[in-house]
Amino acid sequence: MNIQYLIDHNYPIVQYKKGAVIYEPGATPRAVYFIKRGEVRMVTVNDDGKEFIQGIFKAHQYFGEPALLVNKPYLAYTIATQDSEIIPVNRTQFYQLIDEDRDFNMELIKTMSNRLFYKSMMLEELANEQAEHRVRTLISYLFKSLEKDGVLDVTRQQLADMSGLRVETVIRIVKKLAAQKELRLLRGKIIKT
């Protein structure tokens, strides 16, 4: 969906400061959220307070549609990781977009399929007890989906939260992969080789 379409059709833009919670687990879904500017992470939190990142969403992406489509409460927190401008599209408006825009309909199917693939892949990786394998698979996947100019735009802490590992473990593994020339490190950024 072209964000400009939503702006041109006077959909309201809501400002969220870094750290603001957009929705939390158990909340009734009221909208699908299109990011005009900024970044949002979707996390679940276990009883010990440890976060597990379900996804990271950036400008021109959207989130919140699965719960809205099946009319089930949200399962995770969504938190602005930087100051963000977000366009909430309510249920009626969202269904109208699906009905009227065949291209958006196909984009939605592809987006949800990619997310389902990611969840399935991560479920398999979390069952794998080999930390290095988890990190290698995750980095490979992220290079295919999140890279910007050959640079992976995620922190070591985010990799840890996505893989269910401690940040120290991820740092050690990333350094090892760089030493093996499977990736490069440049000023703390992971670069594709």
C-alpha atoms as a PDB file:
ATOM      1  CA  MET A   1       0.000   0.000   0.000  1.00  0.00           C
ATOM      2  CA  ASN A   2       1.355   3.369  -0.962  1.00  0.00           C
ATOM      3  CA  ILE A   3       1.443   5.541   2.162  1.00  0.00           C
ATOM      4  CA  GLN A   4       0.903   8.581  -0.044  1.00  0.00           C
ATOM      5  CA  TYR A   5      -2.537   7.190  -0.965  1.00  0.00           C
ATOM      6  CA  LEU A   6      -3.530   7.244   2.702  1.00  0.00           C
ATOM      7  CA  ILE A   7      -2.174  10.775   3.131  1.00  0.00           C
ATOM      8  CA  ASP A   8      -3.925  11.991  -0.047  1.00  0.00           C
ATOM      9  CA  HIS A   9      -7.209  10.540   1.235  1.00  0.00           C
ATOM     10  CA  ASN A  10      -6.891  12.406   4.551  1.00  0.00           C
ATOM     11  CA  TYR A  11      -6.267   9.465   6.843  1.00  0.00           C
ATOM     12  CA  PRO A  12      -5.103  10.899  10.186  1.00  0.00           C
ATOM     13  CA  ILE A  13      -1.427  10.682  11.123  1.00  0.00           C
ATOM     14  CA  VAL A  14      -0.666   9.940  14.783  1.00  0.00           C
ATOM     15  CA  GLN A  15       2.667  10.903  16.356  1.00  0.00           C
ATOM     16  CA  TYR A  16       4.340   8.386  18.690  1.00  0.00           C
ATOM     17  CA  LYS A  17       7.434   9.289  20.700  1.00  0.00           C
ATOM     18  CA  LYS A  18      10.267   6.785  21.081  1.00  0.00           C
ATOM     19  CA  GLY A  19       9.216   4.213  23.701  1.00  0.00           C
ATOM     20  CA  ALA A  20       5.476   4.771  23.261  1.00  0.00           C
ATOM     21  CA  VAL A  21       3.296   1.649  23.319  1.00  0.00           C
ATOM     22  CA  ILE A  22       0.938   1.540  20.338  1.00  0.00           C
ATOM     23  CA  TYR A  23      -0.975  -1.490  21.587  1.00  0.00           C
ATOM     24  CA  GLU A  24      -0.430  -4.237  24.129  1.00  0.00           C
ATOM     25  CA  PRO A  25      -1.379  -7.903  24.558  1.00  0.00           C
ATOM     26  CA  GLY A  26      -5.066  -8.484  25.181  1.00  0.00           C
ATOM     27  CA  ALA A  27      -6.191  -5.244  23.548  1.00  0.00           C
ATOM     28  CA  THR A  28      -9.050  -5.460  21.074  1.00  0.00           C
ATOM     29  CA  PRO A  29      -7.801  -4.820  17.527  1.00  0.00           C
ATOM     30  CA  ARG A  30      -9.146  -1.543  16.201  1.00  0.00           C
ATOM     31  CA  ALA A  31      -6.820  -0.768  13.293  1.00  0.00           C
ATOM     32  CA  VAL A  32      -3.987  -1.749  11.012  1.00  0.00           C
ATOM     33  CA  TYR A  33      -1.059   0.622  11.482  1.00  0.00           C
ATOM     34  CA  PHE A  34       0.832   2.004   8.476  1.00  0.00           C
ATOM     35  CA  ILE A  35       4.205   3.585   9.282  1.00  0.00           C
ATOM     36  CA  LYS A  36       4.820   6.861   7.474  1.00  0.00           C
ATOM     37  CA  ARG A  37       8.063   7.562   9.350  1.00  0.00           C
ATOM     38  CA  GLY A  38       9.909   5.791  12.150  1.00  0.00           C
ATOM     39  CA  GLU A  39      10.251   2.237  13.413  1.00  0.00           C
ATOM     40  CA  VAL A  40       8.229  -0.106  15.614  1.00  0.00           C
ATOM     41  CA  ARG A  41       9.170  -3.382  17.268  1.00  0.00           C
ATOM     42  CA  MET A  42       6.660  -6.072  18.162  1.00  0.00           C
ATOM     43  CA  VAL A  43       7.603  -7.989  21.299  1.00  0.00           C
ATOM     44  CA  THR A  44       6.273 -10.600  23.645  1.00  0.00           C
ATOM     45  CA  VAL A  45       7.465 -10.549  27.240  1.00  0.00           C
ATOM     46  CA  ASN A  46       7.821 -13.678  29.366  1.00  0.00           C
ATOM     47  CA  ASP A  47       7.079 -13.908  33.096  1.00  0.00           C
ATOM     48  CA  ASP A  48      10.703 -13.006  33.889  1.00  0.00           C
ATOM     49  CA  GLY A  49      10.442  -9.793  31.853  1.00  0.00           C
ATOM     50  CA  LYS A  50      12.608 -11.044  28.971  1.00  0.00           C
ATOM     51  CA  GLU A  51      11.559  -9.642  25.611  1.00  0.00           C
ATOM     52  CA  PHE A  52      11.345 -11.698  22.447  1.00  0.00           C
ATOM     53  CA  ILE A  53      11.112  -9.639  19.262  1.00  0.00           C
ATOM     54  CA  GLN A  54       8.392 -10.895  16.945  1.00  0.00           C
ATOM     55  CA  GLY A  55       9.124  -8.331  14.262  1.00  0.00           C
ATOM     56  CA  ILE A  56      10.606  -4.962  13.402  1.00  0.00           C
ATOM     57  CA  PHE A  57       8.572  -2.664  11.164  1.00  0.00           C
ATOM     58  CA  LYS A  58       9.932   0.374   9.348  1.00  0.00           C
ATOM     59  CA  ALA A  59       8.626   3.239   7.217  1.00  0.00           C
ATOM     60  CA  HIS A  60       6.159   2.158   4.504  1.00  0.00           C
ATOM     61  CA  GLN A  61       5.368  -1.110   6.291  1.00  0.00           C
ATOM     62  CA  TYR A  62       2.310  -1.971   8.339  1.00  0.00           C
ATOM     63  CA  PHE A  63       1.413  -4.157  11.301  1.00  0.00           C
ATOM     64  CA  GLY A  64      -1.561  -5.329  13.344  1.00  0.00           C
ATOM     65  CA  GLU A  65      -3.532  -6.871  10.489  1.00  0.00           C
ATOM     66  CA  PRO A  66      -3.661 -10.543  11.657  1.00  0.00           C
ATOM     67  CA  ALA A  67      -5.521  -9.758  14.888  1.00  0.00           C
ATOM     68  CA  LEU A  68      -7.850  -7.374  13.065  1.00  0.00           C
ATOM     69  CA  LEU A  69      -8.636  -9.890  10.317  1.00  0.00           C
ATOM     70  CA  VAL A  70      -9.446 -12.749  12.723  1.00  0.00           C
ATOM     71  CA  ASN A  71     -10.943 -10.433  15.361  1.00  0.00           C
ATOM     72  CA  LYS A  72      -8.735 -11.785  18.166  1.00  0.00           C
ATOM     73  CA  PRO A  73      -6.898  -9.760  20.838  1.00  0.00           C
ATOM     74  CA  TYR A  74      -3.354  -8.647  20.114  1.00  0.00           C
ATOM     75  CA  LEU A  75      -0.732 -11.083  21.410  1.00  0.00           C
ATOM     76  CA  ALA A  76       2.249  -8.744  21.674  1.00  0.00           C
ATOM     77  CA  TYR A  77       3.330  -5.233  22.535  1.00  0.00           C
ATOM     78  CA  THR A  78       4.132  -2.829  19.728  1.00  0.00           C
ATOM     79  CA  ILE A  79       6.557  -0.122  20.801  1.00  0.00           C
ATOM     80  CA  ALA A  80       7.965   2.811  18.820  1.00  0.00           C
ATOM     81  CA  THR A  81      11.749   2.388  18.756  1.00  0.00           C
ATOM     82  CA  GLN A  82      12.124   5.942  17.461  1.00  0.00           C
ATOM     83  CA  ASP A  83       9.829   8.922  17.058  1.00  0.00           C
ATOM     84  CA  SER A  84       7.251   7.745  14.525  1.00  0.00           C
ATOM     85  CA  GLU A  85       4.332   8.922  12.423  1.00  0.00           C
ATOM     86  CA  ILE A  86       1.719   6.206  12.033  1.00  0.00           C
ATOM     87  CA  ILE A  87      -1.538   6.103  10.115  1.00  0.00           C
ATOM     88  CA  PRO A  88      -4.128   3.903  11.862  1.00  0.00           C
ATOM     89  CA  VAL A  89      -6.636   2.440   9.396  1.00  0.00           C
ATOM     90  CA  ASN A  90      -9.765   1.156  11.137  1.00  0.00           C
ATOM     91  CA  ARG A  91     -11.467  -2.159  10.335  1.00  0.00           C
ATOM     92  CA  THR A  92     -14.041  -0.704   7.917  1.00  0.00           C
ATOM     93  CA  GLN A  93     -11.422   1.343   6.061  1.00  0.00           C
ATOM     94  CA  PHE A  94      -9.031  -1.607   5.909  1.00  0.00           C
ATOM     95  CA  TYR A  95     -11.666  -3.934   4.435  1.00  0.00           C
ATOM     96  CA  GLN A  96     -12.506  -1.214   1.927  1.00  0.00           C
ATOM     97  CA  LEU A  97      -8.827  -1.015   0.877  1.00  0.00           C
ATOM     98  CA  ILE A  98      -8.790  -4.800   0.411  1.00  0.00           C
ATOM     99  CA  ASP A  99     -12.012  -4.734  -1.622  1.00  0.00           C
ATOM    100  CA  GLU A 100     -11.006  -1.821  -3.845  1.00  0.00           C
ATOM    101  CA  ASP A 101      -7.317  -2.391  -4.479  1.00  0.00           C
ATOM    102  CA  ARG A 102      -6.356  -5.725  -6.052  1.00  0.00           C
ATOM    103  CA  ASP A 103      -2.651  -4.871  -5.871  1.00  0.00           C
ATOM    104  CA  PHE A 104      -2.921  -4.161  -2.137  1.00  0.00           C
ATOM    105  CA  ASN A 105      -4.818  -7.426  -1.713  1.00  0.00           C
ATOM    106  CA  MET A 106      -1.909  -9.356  -3.275  1.00  0.00           C
ATOM    107  CA  GLU A 107       0.632  -7.338  -1.277  1.00  0.00           C
ATOM    108  CA  LEU A 108      -1.238  -8.227   1.920  1.00  0.00           C
ATOM    109  CA  ILE A 109      -1.186 -11.934   1.049  1.00  0.00           C
ATOM    110  CA  LYS A 110       2.559 -11.795   0.308  1.00  0.00           C
ATOM    111  CA  THR A 111       3.294  -9.821   3.487  1.00  0.00           C
ATOM    112  CA  MET A 112       1.358 -12.248   5.670  1.00  0.00           C
ATOM    113  CA  SER A 113       2.955 -15.229   3.913  1.00  0.00           C
ATOM    114  CA  ASN A 114       6.430 -13.802   4.549  1.00  0.00           C
ATOM    115  CA  ARG A 115       5.578 -13.281   8.209  1.00  0.00           C
ATOM    116  CA  LEU A 116       4.229 -16.813   8.499  1.00  0.00           C
ATOM    117  CA  PHE A 117       7.398 -18.133   6.881  1.00  0.00           C
ATOM    118  CA  TYR A 118       9.521 -16.119   9.344  1.00  0.00           C
ATOM    119  CA  LYS A 119       7.532 -17.415  12.341  1.00  0.00           C
ATOM    120  CA  SER A 120       7.857 -21.007  11.116  1.00  0.00           C
ATOM    121  CA  MET A 121      11.583 -20.581  10.524  1.00  0.00           C
ATOM    122  CA  MET A 122      12.124 -19.053  13.962  1.00  0.00           C
ATOM    123  CA  LEU A 123      10.070 -21.752  15.665  1.00  0.00           C
ATOM    124  CA  GLU A 124      12.315 -24.369  14.067  1.00  0.00           C
ATOM    125  CA  GLU A 125      15.437 -22.386  15.027  1.00  0.00           C
ATOM    126  CA  LEU A 126      14.328 -21.944  18.635  1.00  0.00           C
ATOM    127  CA  ALA A 127      13.907 -25.709  18.866  1.00  0.00           C
ATOM    128  CA  ASN A 128      17.518 -26.037  17.665  1.00  0.00           C
ATOM    129  CA  GLU A 129      19.819 -25.880  20.653  1.00  0.00           C
ATOM    130  CA  GLN A 130      22.844 -24.747  18.645  1.00  0.00           C
ATOM    131  CA  ALA A 131      23.113 -21.003  19.225  1.00  0.00           C
ATOM    132  CA  GLU A 132      25.473 -20.420  16.296  1.00  0.00           C
ATOM    133  CA  HIS A 133      23.050 -22.082  13.900  1.00  0.00           C
ATOM    134  CA  ARG A 134      20.216 -19.860  15.194  1.00  0.00           C
ATOM    135  CA  VAL A 135      22.204 -16.675  14.725  1.00  0.00           C
ATOM    136  CA  ARG A 136      23.540 -17.678  11.296  1.00  0.00           C
ATOM    137  CA  THR A 137      20.017 -18.528  10.050  1.00  0.00           C
ATOM    138  CA  LEU A 138      18.535 -15.350  11.489  1.00  0.00           C
ATOM    139  CA  ILE A 139      21.214 -13.105   9.962  1.00  0.00           C
ATOM    140  CA  SER A 140      20.793 -14.824   6.606  1.00  0.00           C
ATOM    141  CA  TYR A 141      17.030 -14.287   6.714  1.00  0.00           C
ATOM    142  CA  LEU A 142      17.382 -10.665   7.793  1.00  0.00           C
ATOM    143  CA  PHE A 143      19.828  -9.928   4.985  1.00  0.00           C
ATOM    144  CA  LYS A 144      17.146 -11.076   2.569  1.00  0.00           C
ATOM    145  CA  SER A 145      14.412  -8.960   4.137  1.00  0.00           C
ATOM    146  CA  LEU A 146      15.828  -6.030   6.148  1.00  0.00           C
ATOM    147  CA  GLU A 147      19.122  -5.103   4.603  1.00  0.00           C
ATOM    148  CA  LYS A 148      19.794  -1.585   3.429  1.00  0.00           C
ATOM    149  CA  ASP A 149      22.661  -1.207   0.977  1.00  0.00           C
ATOM    150  CA  GLY A 150      24.229  -4.473   2.157  1.00  0.00           C
ATOM    151  CA  VAL A 151      24.107  -3.334   5.795  1.00  0.00           C
ATOM    152  CA  LEU A 152      21.990  -5.161   8.341  1.00  0.00           C
ATOM    153  CA  ASP A 153      20.167  -2.493  10.311  1.00  0.00           C
ATOM    154  CA  VAL A 154      19.635  -4.342  13.614  1.00  0.00           C
ATOM    155  CA  THR A 155      21.523  -4.217  16.887  1.00  0.00           C
ATOM    156  CA  ARG A 156      23.143  -7.158  18.645  1.00  0.00           C
ATOM    157  CA  GLN A 157      20.503  -6.763  21.365  1.00  0.00           C
ATOM    158  CA  GLN A 158      17.738  -7.042  18.747  1.00  0.00           C
ATOM    159  CA  LEU A 159      19.392 -10.174  17.339  1.00  0.00           C
ATOM    160  CA  ALA A 160      19.499 -11.602  20.855  1.00  0.00           C
ATOM    161  CA  ASP A 161      15.843 -10.745  21.439  1.00  0.00           C
ATOM    162  CA  MET A 162      14.869 -12.314  18.110  1.00  0.00           C
ATOM    163  CA  SER A 163      16.846 -15.506  18.672  1.00  0.00           C
ATOM    164  CA  GLY A 164      16.105 -16.048  22.344  1.00  0.00           C
ATOM    165  CA  LEU A 165      19.804 -15.838  23.205  1.00  0.00           C
ATOM    166  CA  ARG A 166      21.805 -13.593  25.519  1.00  0.00           C
ATOM    167  CA  VAL A 167      23.380 -10.544  23.891  1.00  0.00           C
ATOM    168  CA  GLU A 168      26.858 -11.716  24.957  1.00  0.00           C
ATOM    169  CA  THR A 169      26.303 -14.987  23.085  1.00  0.00           C
ATOM    170  CA  VAL A 170      25.209 -13.123  19.952  1.00  0.00           C
ATOM    171  CA  ILE A 171      28.230 -10.791  20.114  1.00  0.00           C
ATOM    172  CA  ARG A 172      30.592 -13.762  20.407  1.00  0.00           C
ATOM    173  CA  ILE A 173      28.919 -15.579  17.487  1.00  0.00           C
ATOM    174  CA  VAL A 174      28.868 -12.480  15.240  1.00  0.00           C
ATOM    175  CA  LYS A 175      32.580 -11.943  15.873  1.00  0.00           C
ATOM    176  CA  LYS A 176      33.237 -15.615  15.058  1.00  0.00           C
ATOM    177  CA  LEU A 177      31.230 -15.389  11.810  1.00  0.00           C
ATOM    178  CA  ALA A 178      33.204 -12.274  10.861  1.00  0.00           C
ATOM    179  CA  ALA A 179      36.501 -14.088  11.582  1.00  0.00           C
ATOM    180  CA  GLN A 180      35.302 -16.923   9.329  1.00  0.00           C
ATOM    181  CA  LYS A 181      34.496 -14.280   6.652  1.00  0.00           C
ATOM    182  CA  GLU A 182      30.796 -15.202   6.558  1.00  0.00           C
ATOM    183  CA  LEU A 183      30.042 -11.526   7.158  1.00  0.00           C
ATOM    184  CA  ARG A 184      31.953  -8.316   7.763  1.00  0.00           C
ATOM    185  CA  LEU A 185      31.826  -5.856  10.637  1.00  0.00           C
ATOM    186  CA  LEU A 186      32.269  -2.164  10.027  1.00  0.00           C
ATOM    187  CA  ARG A 187      31.908   0.248  12.954  1.00  0.00           C
ATOM    188  CA  GLY A 188      29.537  -2.144  14.715  1.00  0.00           C
ATOM    189  CA  LYS A 189      27.377  -2.772  11.638  1.00  0.00           C
ATOM    190  CA  ILE A 190      26.991  -6.204  10.054  1.00  0.00           C
ATOM    191  CA  ILE A 191      27.870  -6.056   6.352  1.00  0.00           C
ATOM    192  CA  LYS A 192      27.105  -8.648   3.703  1.00  0.00           C
ATOM    193  CA  THR A 193      30.226 -10.284   2.250  1.00  0.00           C
END
